[in-house]
Amino acid sequence: MIAAATAHDVPAHIVVLLPRWVGDLVMSTPMLRAVAEHFRESRAAGLTRITGVMKPPLAGLLEGTGWLDSVVPYDRRSRNPETRFWAVARRLREHPADAILLVPNSLSSGMLAFAAGGKRRIGIARHWRRWLLTDPLPPPRQGFRIEASSTAEHAMRLAERLGVPPGPLRLELATTAADEGLADDVLSRCFPGWRAGSDGPLVVFNDNGAYGPAKSWGAERFAALARLAIERLPGARVLVHCGPGDREEARQLVDTAGTPHVASLAEEAELPFGLSKAVIRRAAVVVSTDSGPRHIAAAFARPTVVLHGPMDPRLSRSDHPALIEMRRDLPCSPCGRRTCPLGHHDCMRQLSVEDVGQALVRLATAPPVAQVA
């Protein structure tokens, strides 16, 4: 049994060490929302503040939510000495935390929390870091085996240790007026004279390979899926989402599709997270590998088809109102590897264009799902 904080225990400073991956950060939002709401009155009175520690580029993901009172940029691999381990530890020690919530399950996050001098250091007792935690939570187990759980699930467990009632695992993000204006400009250049919704549905594709090529479905299959979507959904336009490292793959997809109704973000000089959020928020359907953009889609309650391949679906669990998860039940899957160790890539290759297309059309023609305000 985990002992919860009593009602009169109001921490003056809560620090949250956040994940360095986009998807895991978005999956942390149910916990951030629950903590911010639980301490809303004490925050309004200036008695409690919440600090997020995160990789600098990811701060734009949480812009507009209002859950954090301050952000400390941290990237232990950065060339900037101000955002590396010891500089961040010193900065956190200047305003010691009453509680540090460690969302990443890494040894390095435990070391940072210890070096920062947090009075309570709350995290899952994994990866040899139990001795660094004041409140080590046991990982969920099925018999003698550790049970797979998502970031959304274990992050909420951390908040419960502070007496925060567990809330729904509904992912949530927000856009700003600047984000929406940027999306207007980009879509008007990609599809001149066309407006999402009134002229046809916007379908967003994502084949992000930042984790590794094992997740990729490939430009040829996505291009064939784009032609299928345009054929079966009147007025549809397909926008290919990409990050800075995926521009060439996005261009290849557009070239292979061979139609002006398919465009990508590859030619944009800047690719801020605000743009990703705003275009995904407008999508009638998102088709994505199991990577960050599929969680952004969930945060705006966008109907989503996820191609799982080598990834365990249990690691991505959250509350999503319109989700179709596609995977092949193979002896070798899920392996969670960055590259296919057997070289055949069957877990992704055997997901057919027709099957994925049917799922896409089913979601696009279903009754609308209410978006998150």
Foldseek 3Di string as FASTA:
>chain_A
DQDADDPPDDWAEEEEEADAFQLLRLLLQLLLVLLCVVCVVCVVVNRHFYEYEYAVQNPLFAPPVPSHPYYQHADCPDPDPCRHQPNSLVVLLVPETCEYEYLDPEQSSLVSNQSNPHVAYEDAPDDPRPVSGPHHDHAPDDVPHRDAAASNVRSQVRSVNHVRPRDASQGAHDADPVLQVVLVVVVCVLPPPDDDPVQWFEEEEEQEQPLAPLQGLALLLVLVLQVLCPVPTPRYAYEYEYDQVCLVRQVSSVVNNPDSSYYYCSPPPDDGVSNLLNVLLRGQEYEYEPGNSVSSNSNFLHAYEYLDQQHDVNHNDGDHDHYHYDWDPDPCHNPPDRDPPVPPSCRSNVCHSVNVSVSRVVSSPDPDDHTDD
